[in-house]
Each structure stands twice: as C-alpha cells, then as structure tokens.
Amino acid sequence: MPSRPRSMGGFSLLELMVAIVVAAILAAIAVPSFRTSIQRHRLLAAADELQAAVQYARTEAVLRATYVSLCPSADGTSCASSTTWDTGWLVYSHPVATSKASDAYSATPASGMQILRAAAALTLVSARGVDTGVVTFGQQGQLEAVASRTNAGQPVAFVLCAMPAGRPGSGLGENSTRLPGTRIGVSPYGGIASTKLTGTDSCMP
C-alpha cells in the first residue's frame, strides 16, 4: 500500500507572530534593568577607586612621614584648580619641611614632589569635590587644613553620580532612588566613610 504523506511540523504564522511579540515584551522589560545594572556597577567601581585613592594617600603619608596630597587632574601630570574629579586625579608626596599642605603638584626637581599614582578619567560617572583645594594628609594620617579650601578646617567630601542614559560622558550625573549616588566623606582626623545619597540629595557636595 502506498504510504500516506506525513504532515510537516512547524509554526503557523500566527504562532510565530505571538512568539515575536512575547520576545519583544521581554526585551523591553529586561533591557532597562540590564542598563541600570551596568550603571550601578560602573558607579560602584568609580566610588571604590576614588575611596581607595584617598585611603592610599592617607596610608602613604603615615608610612613616608610626609605630606601626601590628592588633586583633580585632566592630563595626569598636573593639578587642576577645579571641583571636577571625574577627569582623573593625582596622588603625590611632598616634603613637610619645604612645602605647604596646600601646594599643588610641581614637576620641578627642587620641589621634592613625586607622583605616586595617576588615575584616568571616569566613564559615565560624575565626581565632584567640596571645593577646589587639594586634599592633603599629614604625618599622623590627619586631614591637613588647607587655606585654599572654602572652609579650611571642614571635612572633605566627594559626591559621585551615574550619568543618565543617552547623556554624553561629561557634566553632572543624576541621583535617583533607582540609581542613588555615593558620598565619600573624610573627617578632620582622616577617617573615610562612604554612604549612599537619599532621593533628594544633590550630586554636588
């Protein structure tokens, strides 16, 4: 007997359209969540990097028994008189006997200054300092009073925020309950603490 033709398995056009619609809905839900996760990770990494630099400067000041300072830098070789730290920063040592705590880095050999670390610009994260003065630790790890700061004796603070989706990687980020920024505070005694911003906090210190 001749064999009966088998029916071909597969999806109907309607089933295929339903599958595409479901996939599109799932993608619309998943992509924003994935983007937020990336932004959160980027912000956390940037905050960890800056906090580690501050802690490193304090530790080196004690170990070297000298001034160790941090300053924002746009070129990795000189200090910028700016509150903007997302362009990068320098960590440098300078002698207590022949320099002041407020001295910016100088490559002149007579200055006795030495760059210990140079950080590259942050990606899609804004970082702002409380003012334009350098941040200097003394021989006991204390935060030195720097006259160029708005309030020479005040604690130092940095605020980091993620850039909103679609915004170029420069300017000020945004703080939100979905993606809160981070504040790094340094007490006059050199203590360093990191806290999350609340929903109403600004991305400026």
N, C-alpha and C. Protein backbone atom coordinates (compact mmCIF):
# COMPACT_ATOMS: atom_id res chain seq x y z
N MET A 1 0.84 -1.20 0.00
CA MET A 1 0.00 0.00 0.00
C MET A 1 0.87 1.24 0.00
N PRO A 2 0.45 2.23 -0.74
CA PRO A 2 1.24 3.46 -0.75
C PRO A 2 1.14 4.14 0.60
N SER A 3 2.27 4.66 1.05
CA SER A 3 2.29 5.34 2.36
C SER A 3 1.60 6.68 2.29
N ARG A 4 0.95 7.04 3.39
CA ARG A 4 0.24 8.31 3.44
C ARG A 4 1.26 9.42 3.72
N PRO A 5 1.12 10.53 3.09
CA PRO A 5 2.08 11.62 3.32
C PRO A 5 1.99 12.12 4.75
N ARG A 6 3.16 12.36 5.35
CA ARG A 6 3.21 12.88 6.71
C ARG A 6 2.97 14.40 6.69
N SER A 7 2.30 14.84 7.73
CA SER A 7 2.11 16.29 7.84
C SER A 7 3.39 16.92 8.33
N MET A 8 3.77 18.05 7.77
CA MET A 8 5.00 18.74 8.12
C MET A 8 4.78 19.53 9.41
N GLY A 9 5.66 19.35 10.43
CA GLY A 9 5.56 20.08 11.68
C GLY A 9 6.14 21.48 11.53
N GLY A 10 5.75 22.37 12.40
CA GLY A 10 6.30 23.73 12.37
C GLY A 10 5.33 24.70 13.00
N PHE A 11 5.71 25.99 12.93
CA PHE A 11 4.89 27.05 13.50
C PHE A 11 4.01 27.67 12.43
N SER A 12 2.83 27.98 12.85
CA SER A 12 1.96 28.73 11.94
C SER A 12 2.37 30.19 12.00
N LEU A 13 1.91 30.99 11.05
CA LEU A 13 2.23 32.41 11.01
C LEU A 13 1.74 33.11 12.28
N LEU A 14 0.58 32.70 12.78
CA LEU A 14 0.03 33.31 13.99
C LEU A 14 0.91 33.00 15.20
N GLU A 15 1.34 31.73 15.29
CA GLU A 15 2.19 31.35 16.41
C GLU A 15 3.51 32.10 16.37
N LEU A 16 4.07 32.28 15.17
CA LEU A 16 5.33 32.99 15.02
C LEU A 16 5.19 34.45 15.44
N MET A 17 4.07 35.07 15.06
CA MET A 17 3.84 36.46 15.42
C MET A 17 3.68 36.61 16.94
N VAL A 18 2.98 35.67 17.56
CA VAL A 18 2.82 35.70 19.01
C VAL A 18 4.17 35.57 19.70
N ALA A 19 5.02 34.67 19.20
CA ALA A 19 6.35 34.48 19.78
C ALA A 19 7.19 35.75 19.66
N ILE A 20 7.10 36.43 18.53
CA ILE A 20 7.86 37.68 18.33
C ILE A 20 7.38 38.76 19.28
N VAL A 21 6.08 38.86 19.44
CA VAL A 21 5.52 39.87 20.35
C VAL A 21 5.97 39.60 21.79
N VAL A 22 5.91 38.33 22.22
CA VAL A 22 6.34 37.97 23.57
C VAL A 22 7.81 38.30 23.78
N ALA A 23 8.64 37.96 22.77
CA ALA A 23 10.08 38.25 22.86
C ALA A 23 10.34 39.75 22.96
N ALA A 24 9.57 40.53 22.20
CA ALA A 24 9.73 41.99 22.24
C ALA A 24 9.36 42.55 23.61
N ILE A 25 8.30 42.02 24.21
CA ILE A 25 7.88 42.47 25.54
C ILE A 25 8.95 42.13 26.58
N LEU A 26 9.47 40.92 26.51
CA LEU A 26 10.52 40.51 27.46
C LEU A 26 11.77 41.37 27.31
N ALA A 27 12.11 41.69 26.05
CA ALA A 27 13.29 42.54 25.81
C ALA A 27 13.06 43.94 26.37
N ALA A 28 11.85 44.46 26.18
CA ALA A 28 11.54 45.81 26.68
C ALA A 28 11.63 45.87 28.19
N ILE A 29 11.33 44.75 28.86
CA ILE A 29 11.43 44.70 30.31
C ILE A 29 12.87 44.51 30.76
N ALA A 30 13.59 43.65 30.07
CA ALA A 30 14.94 43.27 30.51
C ALA A 30 15.99 44.32 30.21
N VAL A 31 15.92 45.01 29.06
CA VAL A 31 16.98 45.94 28.66
C VAL A 31 17.16 47.08 29.65
N PRO A 32 16.09 47.78 30.08
CA PRO A 32 16.30 48.85 31.07
C PRO A 32 16.92 48.34 32.37
N SER A 33 16.48 47.16 32.81
CA SER A 33 17.03 46.60 34.03
C SER A 33 18.51 46.28 33.87
N PHE A 34 18.87 45.75 32.71
CA PHE A 34 20.28 45.42 32.44
C PHE A 34 21.11 46.69 32.37
N ARG A 35 20.55 47.75 31.75
CA ARG A 35 21.26 49.03 31.65
C ARG A 35 21.49 49.63 33.04
N THR A 36 20.48 49.53 33.90
CA THR A 36 20.62 50.04 35.26
C THR A 36 21.70 49.27 36.02
N SER A 37 21.76 47.97 35.82
CA SER A 37 22.77 47.14 36.47
C SER A 37 24.18 47.56 36.05
N ILE A 38 24.34 47.86 34.77
CA ILE A 38 25.64 48.31 34.27
C ILE A 38 26.01 49.66 34.87
N GLN A 39 25.05 50.59 34.92
CA GLN A 39 25.30 51.90 35.50
C GLN A 39 25.66 51.78 36.98
N ARG A 40 24.94 50.91 37.69
CA ARG A 40 25.20 50.73 39.12
C ARG A 40 26.59 50.16 39.34
N HIS A 41 26.97 49.20 38.53
CA HIS A 41 28.31 48.60 38.65
C HIS A 41 29.38 49.64 38.34
N ARG A 42 29.17 50.44 37.30
CA ARG A 42 30.14 51.47 36.92
C ARG A 42 30.31 52.51 38.03
N LEU A 43 29.20 52.91 38.65
CA LEU A 43 29.23 53.89 39.73
C LEU A 43 29.95 53.31 40.95
N LEU A 44 29.64 52.07 41.28
CA LEU A 44 30.28 51.42 42.43
C LEU A 44 31.79 51.31 42.22
N ALA A 45 32.20 50.92 41.02
CA ALA A 45 33.63 50.78 40.72
C ALA A 45 34.34 52.12 40.82
N ALA A 46 33.70 53.19 40.33
CA ALA A 46 34.30 54.52 40.39
C ALA A 46 34.44 54.99 41.83
N ALA A 47 33.40 54.78 42.64
CA ALA A 47 33.45 55.18 44.04
C ALA A 47 34.53 54.40 44.79
N ASP A 48 34.63 53.12 44.52
CA ASP A 48 35.67 52.29 45.15
C ASP A 48 37.06 52.79 44.76
N GLU A 49 37.21 53.18 43.50
CA GLU A 49 38.52 53.63 43.02
C GLU A 49 38.93 54.93 43.71
N LEU A 50 38.00 55.88 43.82
CA LEU A 50 38.33 57.15 44.45
C LEU A 50 38.56 56.97 45.95
N GLN A 51 37.72 56.18 46.59
CA GLN A 51 37.91 55.94 48.02
C GLN A 51 39.24 55.24 48.29
N ALA A 52 39.62 54.30 47.43
CA ALA A 52 40.90 53.62 47.58
C ALA A 52 42.06 54.59 47.43
N ALA A 53 41.92 55.56 46.52
CA ALA A 53 42.98 56.56 46.33
C ALA A 53 43.13 57.43 47.57
N VAL A 54 42.01 57.81 48.17
CA VAL A 54 42.06 58.62 49.40
C VAL A 54 42.72 57.82 50.52
N GLN A 55 42.33 56.56 50.67
CA GLN A 55 42.91 55.72 51.71
C GLN A 55 44.39 55.49 51.46
N TYR A 56 44.76 55.30 50.22
CA TYR A 56 46.17 55.11 49.86
C TYR A 56 46.99 56.35 50.22
N ALA A 57 46.46 57.53 49.92
CA ALA A 57 47.16 58.77 50.23
C ALA A 57 47.39 58.89 51.74
N ARG A 58 46.37 58.58 52.51
CA ARG A 58 46.49 58.67 53.97
C ARG A 58 47.54 57.68 54.49
N THR A 59 47.50 56.46 53.99
CA THR A 59 48.45 55.44 54.43
C THR A 59 49.88 55.83 54.07
N GLU A 60 50.08 56.33 52.86
CA GLU A 60 51.42 56.71 52.43
C GLU A 60 51.95 57.91 53.22
N ALA A 61 51.07 58.81 53.61
CA ALA A 61 51.51 59.96 54.42
C ALA A 61 52.11 59.47 55.74
N VAL A 62 51.49 58.45 56.34
CA VAL A 62 51.99 57.90 57.60
C VAL A 62 53.29 57.14 57.36
N LEU A 63 53.32 56.29 56.34
CA LEU A 63 54.49 55.46 56.07
C LEU A 63 55.71 56.30 55.68
N ARG A 64 55.48 57.36 54.92
CA ARG A 64 56.58 58.19 54.43
C ARG A 64 56.89 59.36 55.39
N ALA A 65 56.05 59.55 56.39
CA ALA A 65 56.21 60.66 57.33
C ALA A 65 56.34 61.99 56.58
N THR A 66 55.42 62.22 55.68
CA THR A 66 55.47 63.43 54.87
C THR A 66 54.05 63.79 54.43
N TYR A 67 53.90 64.88 53.71
CA TYR A 67 52.61 65.21 53.13
C TYR A 67 52.34 64.29 51.93
N VAL A 68 51.11 63.83 51.84
CA VAL A 68 50.66 63.17 50.62
C VAL A 68 49.32 63.79 50.25
N SER A 69 49.22 64.28 49.03
CA SER A 69 48.05 65.04 48.59
C SER A 69 47.36 64.38 47.41
N LEU A 70 46.10 64.74 47.25
CA LEU A 70 45.32 64.38 46.06
C LEU A 70 44.82 65.66 45.43
N CYS A 71 44.76 65.66 44.11
CA CYS A 71 44.17 66.80 43.41
C CYS A 71 43.53 66.30 42.12
N PRO A 72 42.50 66.98 41.64
CA PRO A 72 41.93 66.60 40.34
C PRO A 72 42.92 66.92 39.23
N SER A 73 42.91 66.12 38.19
CA SER A 73 43.84 66.33 37.08
C SER A 73 43.18 65.93 35.77
N ALA A 74 43.36 66.76 34.76
CA ALA A 74 42.78 66.47 33.45
C ALA A 74 43.80 65.83 32.51
N ASP A 75 45.10 65.90 32.89
CA ASP A 75 46.13 65.39 31.99
C ASP A 75 47.05 64.34 32.61
N GLY A 76 46.85 64.03 33.88
CA GLY A 76 47.68 63.02 34.54
C GLY A 76 49.06 63.50 34.91
N THR A 77 49.35 64.79 34.72
CA THR A 77 50.68 65.32 35.04
C THR A 77 50.64 66.59 35.87
N SER A 78 49.48 67.20 36.02
CA SER A 78 49.39 68.45 36.77
C SER A 78 48.03 68.54 37.46
N CYS A 79 47.96 69.37 38.50
CA CYS A 79 46.71 69.57 39.23
C CYS A 79 45.83 70.58 38.51
N ALA A 80 44.54 70.36 38.56
CA ALA A 80 43.57 71.30 38.01
C ALA A 80 42.88 72.00 39.16
N SER A 81 42.74 73.30 39.08
CA SER A 81 42.02 74.06 40.11
C SER A 81 40.53 73.94 39.82
N SER A 82 39.95 72.84 40.27
CA SER A 82 38.58 72.51 39.88
C SER A 82 37.95 71.63 40.95
N THR A 83 36.63 71.61 40.98
CA THR A 83 35.91 70.67 41.84
C THR A 83 35.58 69.37 41.09
N THR A 84 35.99 69.29 39.83
CA THR A 84 35.67 68.14 38.99
C THR A 84 36.76 67.09 39.09
N TRP A 85 36.41 65.94 39.65
CA TRP A 85 37.37 64.85 39.83
C TRP A 85 37.18 63.72 38.82
N ASP A 86 36.09 63.75 38.05
CA ASP A 86 35.88 62.64 37.11
C ASP A 86 36.81 62.71 35.90
N THR A 87 37.59 63.80 35.77
CA THR A 87 38.60 63.88 34.71
C THR A 87 39.85 63.09 35.07
N GLY A 88 39.91 62.61 36.32
CA GLY A 88 41.09 61.91 36.81
C GLY A 88 41.68 62.65 38.00
N TRP A 89 42.71 62.07 38.61
CA TRP A 89 43.34 62.72 39.76
C TRP A 89 44.77 62.23 39.92
N LEU A 90 45.52 62.99 40.73
CA LEU A 90 46.89 62.64 41.08
C LEU A 90 46.99 62.40 42.58
N VAL A 91 47.84 61.47 42.96
CA VAL A 91 48.26 61.30 44.35
C VAL A 91 49.76 61.55 44.35
N TYR A 92 50.20 62.50 45.17
CA TYR A 92 51.63 62.86 45.15
C TYR A 92 52.12 63.18 46.55
N SER A 93 53.41 62.95 46.77
CA SER A 93 54.03 63.25 48.05
C SER A 93 54.84 64.53 47.93
N HIS A 94 54.97 65.23 49.05
CA HIS A 94 55.84 66.41 49.08
C HIS A 94 56.33 66.64 50.51
N PRO A 95 57.55 67.14 50.64
CA PRO A 95 58.18 67.23 51.96
C PRO A 95 57.53 68.26 52.87
N VAL A 96 57.41 67.89 54.14
CA VAL A 96 56.82 68.79 55.12
C VAL A 96 57.70 70.02 55.35
N ALA A 97 59.01 69.81 55.32
CA ALA A 97 59.95 70.87 55.68
C ALA A 97 60.00 72.00 54.65
N THR A 98 59.77 71.69 53.37
CA THR A 98 59.97 72.69 52.32
C THR A 98 58.73 72.98 51.50
N SER A 99 57.58 72.47 51.89
CA SER A 99 56.35 72.75 51.14
C SER A 99 55.19 72.93 52.09
N LYS A 100 54.10 73.46 51.57
CA LYS A 100 52.89 73.65 52.36
C LYS A 100 51.87 72.58 51.99
N ALA A 101 50.94 72.32 52.90
CA ALA A 101 49.91 71.31 52.65
C ALA A 101 49.06 71.67 51.44
N SER A 102 48.96 72.95 51.13
CA SER A 102 48.11 73.41 50.04
C SER A 102 48.81 73.42 48.68
N ASP A 103 50.08 73.04 48.63
CA ASP A 103 50.84 73.12 47.38
C ASP A 103 50.35 72.10 46.36
N ALA A 104 50.08 72.60 45.15
CA ALA A 104 49.74 71.71 44.03
C ALA A 104 51.01 71.05 43.52
N TYR A 105 50.84 69.96 42.79
CA TYR A 105 51.99 69.22 42.30
C TYR A 105 52.83 70.06 41.33
N SER A 106 54.13 69.95 41.50
CA SER A 106 55.08 70.59 40.59
C SER A 106 56.12 69.55 40.19
N ALA A 107 56.42 69.50 38.89
CA ALA A 107 57.41 68.54 38.40
C ALA A 107 58.83 69.06 38.56
N THR A 108 58.99 70.27 39.03
CA THR A 108 60.32 70.84 39.23
C THR A 108 61.09 70.01 40.26
N PRO A 109 62.29 69.54 39.93
CA PRO A 109 63.05 68.69 40.87
C PRO A 109 63.24 69.35 42.24
N ALA A 110 63.41 70.67 42.26
CA ALA A 110 63.65 71.36 43.53
C ALA A 110 62.45 71.27 44.48
N SER A 111 61.27 70.98 43.95
CA SER A 111 60.08 70.91 44.80
C SER A 111 60.08 69.67 45.68
N GLY A 112 60.81 68.65 45.27
CA GLY A 112 60.85 67.40 46.03
C GLY A 112 59.56 66.60 45.95
N MET A 113 58.70 66.92 44.99
CA MET A 113 57.42 66.24 44.86
C MET A 113 57.54 65.01 43.98
N GLN A 114 56.70 64.03 44.26
CA GLN A 114 56.72 62.78 43.50
C GLN A 114 55.30 62.28 43.28
N ILE A 115 54.95 61.99 42.03
CA ILE A 115 53.63 61.40 41.75
C ILE A 115 53.66 59.93 42.15
N LEU A 116 52.72 59.56 42.99
CA LEU A 116 52.62 58.17 43.44
C LEU A 116 51.61 57.38 42.61
N ARG A 117 50.53 58.06 42.23
CA ARG A 117 49.52 57.43 41.38
C ARG A 117 48.85 58.49 40.52
N ALA A 118 48.43 58.08 39.34
CA ALA A 118 47.67 58.96 38.45
C ALA A 118 46.49 58.16 37.92
N ALA A 119 45.29 58.65 38.14
CA ALA A 119 44.07 57.95 37.73
C ALA A 119 43.53 58.54 36.44
N ALA A 120 43.02 57.68 35.58
CA ALA A 120 42.41 58.13 34.33
C ALA A 120 41.00 58.64 34.59
N ALA A 121 40.43 59.27 33.58
CA ALA A 121 39.07 59.82 33.70
C ALA A 121 38.06 58.70 33.93
N LEU A 122 37.03 59.01 34.69
CA LEU A 122 35.94 58.06 34.91
C LEU A 122 35.02 58.01 33.70
N THR A 123 34.35 56.90 33.51
CA THR A 123 33.46 56.71 32.38
C THR A 123 32.01 56.80 32.81
N LEU A 124 31.28 57.79 32.28
CA LEU A 124 29.85 57.97 32.53
C LEU A 124 29.50 58.06 34.01
N VAL A 125 30.42 58.64 34.78
CA VAL A 125 30.20 58.91 36.20
C VAL A 125 30.74 60.29 36.49
N SER A 126 29.95 61.12 37.16
CA SER A 126 30.45 62.43 37.59
C SER A 126 30.97 62.32 39.02
N ALA A 127 32.04 63.05 39.31
CA ALA A 127 32.61 63.08 40.66
C ALA A 127 32.96 64.53 40.97
N ARG A 128 32.38 65.06 42.05
CA ARG A 128 32.61 66.45 42.42
C ARG A 128 33.14 66.53 43.85
N GLY A 129 34.14 67.39 44.04
CA GLY A 129 34.68 67.64 45.36
C GLY A 129 34.03 68.85 45.98
N VAL A 130 34.23 69.01 47.28
CA VAL A 130 33.57 70.08 48.00
C VAL A 130 34.08 71.45 47.57
N ASP A 131 35.34 71.56 47.14
CA ASP A 131 35.86 72.81 46.60
C ASP A 131 37.14 72.53 45.81
N THR A 132 37.86 73.59 45.43
CA THR A 132 38.98 73.43 44.51
C THR A 132 40.31 73.15 45.19
N GLY A 133 40.36 73.17 46.51
CA GLY A 133 41.63 72.95 47.19
C GLY A 133 42.10 71.50 47.10
N VAL A 134 43.43 71.30 47.18
CA VAL A 134 43.97 69.95 47.22
C VAL A 134 43.59 69.30 48.55
N VAL A 135 43.61 67.98 48.58
CA VAL A 135 43.32 67.22 49.79
C VAL A 135 44.64 66.65 50.28
N THR A 136 45.05 67.02 51.48
CA THR A 136 46.37 66.64 51.97
C THR A 136 46.29 65.95 53.32
N PHE A 137 47.02 64.86 53.44
CA PHE A 137 47.15 64.15 54.72
C PHE A 137 48.54 64.41 55.30
N GLY A 138 48.57 64.53 56.64
CA GLY A 138 49.83 64.77 57.34
C GLY A 138 50.46 63.48 57.84
N GLN A 139 51.53 63.65 58.61
CA GLN A 139 52.34 62.51 59.03
C GLN A 139 51.63 61.54 59.97
N GLN A 140 50.59 61.99 60.64
CA GLN A 140 49.81 61.11 61.52
C GLN A 140 48.52 60.65 60.84
N GLY A 141 48.41 60.89 59.56
CA GLY A 141 47.22 60.46 58.82
C GLY A 141 46.05 61.41 58.95
N GLN A 142 46.29 62.58 59.56
CA GLN A 142 45.22 63.55 59.74
C GLN A 142 45.01 64.37 58.47
N LEU A 143 43.80 64.87 58.30
CA LEU A 143 43.50 65.75 57.18
C LEU A 143 44.04 67.13 57.50
N GLU A 144 44.92 67.64 56.65
CA GLU A 144 45.52 68.94 56.88
C GLU A 144 44.56 70.07 56.51
N ALA A 145 44.57 71.13 57.31
CA ALA A 145 43.79 72.32 56.98
C ALA A 145 44.46 73.04 55.82
N VAL A 146 43.73 73.21 54.73
CA VAL A 146 44.28 73.83 53.52
C VAL A 146 43.56 75.16 53.30
N ALA A 147 44.33 76.23 53.31
CA ALA A 147 43.74 77.57 53.24
C ALA A 147 42.96 77.82 51.97
N SER A 148 43.31 77.13 50.88
CA SER A 148 42.63 77.36 49.61
C SER A 148 41.24 76.74 49.57
N ARG A 149 40.91 75.90 50.57
CA ARG A 149 39.56 75.36 50.61
C ARG A 149 38.60 76.42 51.13
N THR A 150 37.35 76.31 50.76
CA THR A 150 36.34 77.28 51.17
C THR A 150 36.31 77.44 52.69
N ASN A 151 36.36 76.33 53.39
CA ASN A 151 36.46 76.32 54.84
C ASN A 151 37.64 75.42 55.17
N ALA A 152 38.75 76.03 55.54
CA ALA A 152 40.00 75.29 55.67
C ALA A 152 39.91 74.09 56.59
N GLY A 153 39.10 74.16 57.62
CA GLY A 153 39.05 73.08 58.59
C GLY A 153 37.91 72.10 58.38
N GLN A 154 37.12 72.28 57.35
CA GLN A 154 35.94 71.43 57.18
C GLN A 154 36.31 70.04 56.65
N PRO A 155 35.50 69.04 56.94
CA PRO A 155 35.73 67.72 56.36
C PRO A 155 35.65 67.79 54.83
N VAL A 156 36.36 66.91 54.19
CA VAL A 156 36.35 66.84 52.73
C VAL A 156 35.25 65.89 52.29
N ALA A 157 34.63 66.18 51.17
CA ALA A 157 33.60 65.30 50.64
C ALA A 157 33.67 65.22 49.13
N PHE A 158 33.35 64.05 48.61
CA PHE A 158 33.21 63.83 47.17
C PHE A 158 31.83 63.22 46.94
N VAL A 159 31.19 63.61 45.86
CA VAL A 159 29.90 63.01 45.51
C VAL A 159 29.99 62.47 44.08
N LEU A 160 29.62 61.21 43.92
CA LEU A 160 29.67 60.56 42.62
C LEU A 160 28.26 60.15 42.21
N CYS A 161 27.92 60.42 40.95
CA CYS A 161 26.60 60.06 40.42
C CYS A 161 26.75 59.48 39.01
N ALA A 162 25.87 58.58 38.66
CA ALA A 162 25.89 58.00 37.32
C ALA A 162 25.27 58.95 36.32
N MET A 163 25.76 58.90 35.09
CA MET A 163 25.18 59.69 34.01
C MET A 163 23.90 59.02 33.51
N PRO A 164 22.86 59.79 33.25
CA PRO A 164 21.63 59.21 32.70
C PRO A 164 21.88 58.62 31.31
N ALA A 165 21.08 57.65 30.94
CA ALA A 165 21.21 57.03 29.63
C ALA A 165 21.02 58.07 28.54
N GLY A 166 21.89 58.03 27.54
CA GLY A 166 21.77 58.94 26.41
C GLY A 166 22.50 60.25 26.58
N ARG A 167 23.04 60.51 27.80
CA ARG A 167 23.77 61.77 28.00
C ARG A 167 25.25 61.53 27.74
N PRO A 168 25.94 62.46 27.08
CA PRO A 168 27.38 62.31 26.87
C PRO A 168 28.11 62.15 28.20
N GLY A 169 29.30 61.59 28.14
CA GLY A 169 30.07 61.30 29.34
C GLY A 169 30.75 62.49 29.96
N SER A 170 30.10 63.61 30.07
CA SER A 170 30.65 64.78 30.75
C SER A 170 29.52 65.54 31.41
N GLY A 171 29.83 66.40 32.35
CA GLY A 171 28.81 67.13 33.06
C GLY A 171 28.44 66.44 34.35
N LEU A 172 27.33 66.85 34.93
CA LEU A 172 26.91 66.35 36.23
C LEU A 172 25.93 65.20 36.06
N GLY A 173 26.15 64.14 36.84
CA GLY A 173 25.24 63.00 36.80
C GLY A 173 23.96 63.30 37.55
N GLU A 174 23.13 62.28 37.73
CA GLU A 174 21.86 62.44 38.42
C GLU A 174 21.71 61.41 39.53
N ASN A 175 21.14 61.87 40.63
CA ASN A 175 20.85 60.97 41.76
C ASN A 175 19.36 60.64 41.75
N SER A 176 19.05 59.37 41.95
CA SER A 176 17.65 58.94 41.98
C SER A 176 17.52 57.75 42.93
N THR A 177 16.29 57.46 43.32
CA THR A 177 16.06 56.29 44.17
C THR A 177 16.39 55.00 43.43
N ARG A 178 16.24 55.02 42.12
CA ARG A 178 16.56 53.84 41.31
C ARG A 178 18.06 53.63 41.22
N LEU A 179 18.79 54.74 41.15
CA LEU A 179 20.24 54.66 41.00
C LEU A 179 20.88 55.74 41.87
N PRO A 180 20.96 55.50 43.17
CA PRO A 180 21.47 56.53 44.09
C PRO A 180 22.97 56.76 43.93
N GLY A 181 23.35 58.03 44.10
CA GLY A 181 24.76 58.38 44.06
C GLY A 181 25.46 57.98 45.35
N THR A 182 26.76 58.27 45.41
CA THR A 182 27.59 57.91 46.57
C THR A 182 28.33 59.13 47.09
N ARG A 183 28.37 59.28 48.38
CA ARG A 183 29.14 60.35 49.02
C ARG A 183 30.30 59.73 49.77
N ILE A 184 31.50 60.25 49.53
CA ILE A 184 32.69 59.82 50.26
C ILE A 184 33.12 60.98 51.15
N GLY A 185 33.10 60.78 52.46
CA GLY A 185 33.46 61.82 53.40
C GLY A 185 34.78 61.52 54.08
N VAL A 186 35.55 62.57 54.35
CA VAL A 186 36.83 62.45 55.06
C VAL A 186 36.78 63.38 56.26
N SER A 187 36.92 62.84 57.45
CA SER A 187 36.84 63.65 58.67
C SER A 187 38.17 64.38 58.89
N PRO A 188 38.18 65.38 59.76
CA PRO A 188 39.44 66.07 60.06
C PRO A 188 40.53 65.14 60.59
N TYR A 189 40.14 64.03 61.19
CA TYR A 189 41.12 63.08 61.71
C TYR A 189 41.57 62.06 60.67
N GLY A 190 41.01 62.16 59.47
CA GLY A 190 41.42 61.27 58.40
C GLY A 190 40.53 60.07 58.20
N GLY A 191 39.47 59.95 59.00
CA GLY A 191 38.55 58.83 58.80
C GLY A 191 37.80 58.96 57.49
N ILE A 192 37.60 57.83 56.81
CA ILE A 192 36.98 57.83 55.48
C ILE A 192 35.74 56.96 55.53
N ALA A 193 34.62 57.50 55.05
CA ALA A 193 33.37 56.75 55.07
C ALA A 193 32.60 57.00 53.78
N SER A 194 31.90 55.98 53.32
CA SER A 194 31.11 56.06 52.09
C SER A 194 29.65 55.80 52.43
N THR A 195 28.76 56.66 51.93
CA THR A 195 27.33 56.49 52.16
C THR A 195 26.56 56.73 50.86
N LYS A 196 25.38 56.13 50.76
CA LYS A 196 24.52 56.35 49.61
C LYS A 196 23.73 57.65 49.79
N LEU A 197 23.49 58.32 48.68
CA LEU A 197 22.66 59.52 48.73
C LEU A 197 21.20 59.14 48.87
N THR A 198 20.42 60.02 49.48
CA THR A 198 18.99 59.82 49.53
C THR A 198 18.39 60.38 48.24
N GLY A 199 17.12 60.15 48.02
CA GLY A 199 16.49 60.55 46.77
C GLY A 199 16.48 62.03 46.51
N THR A 200 16.60 62.86 47.55
CA THR A 200 16.55 64.32 47.38
C THR A 200 17.93 64.96 47.39
N ASP A 201 18.99 64.21 47.57
CA ASP A 201 20.33 64.77 47.63
C ASP A 201 20.81 65.20 46.25
N SER A 202 21.67 66.22 46.26
CA SER A 202 22.27 66.72 45.02
C SER A 202 23.54 65.94 44.68
N CYS A 203 23.93 66.00 43.43
CA CYS A 203 25.18 65.37 43.02
C CYS A 203 26.38 66.32 43.23
N MET A 204 26.14 67.46 43.86
CA MET A 204 27.19 68.35 44.29
C MET A 204 27.33 68.24 45.81
N PRO A 205 28.56 68.26 46.35
CA PRO A 205 28.74 68.15 47.81
C PRO A 205 28.06 69.30 48.56
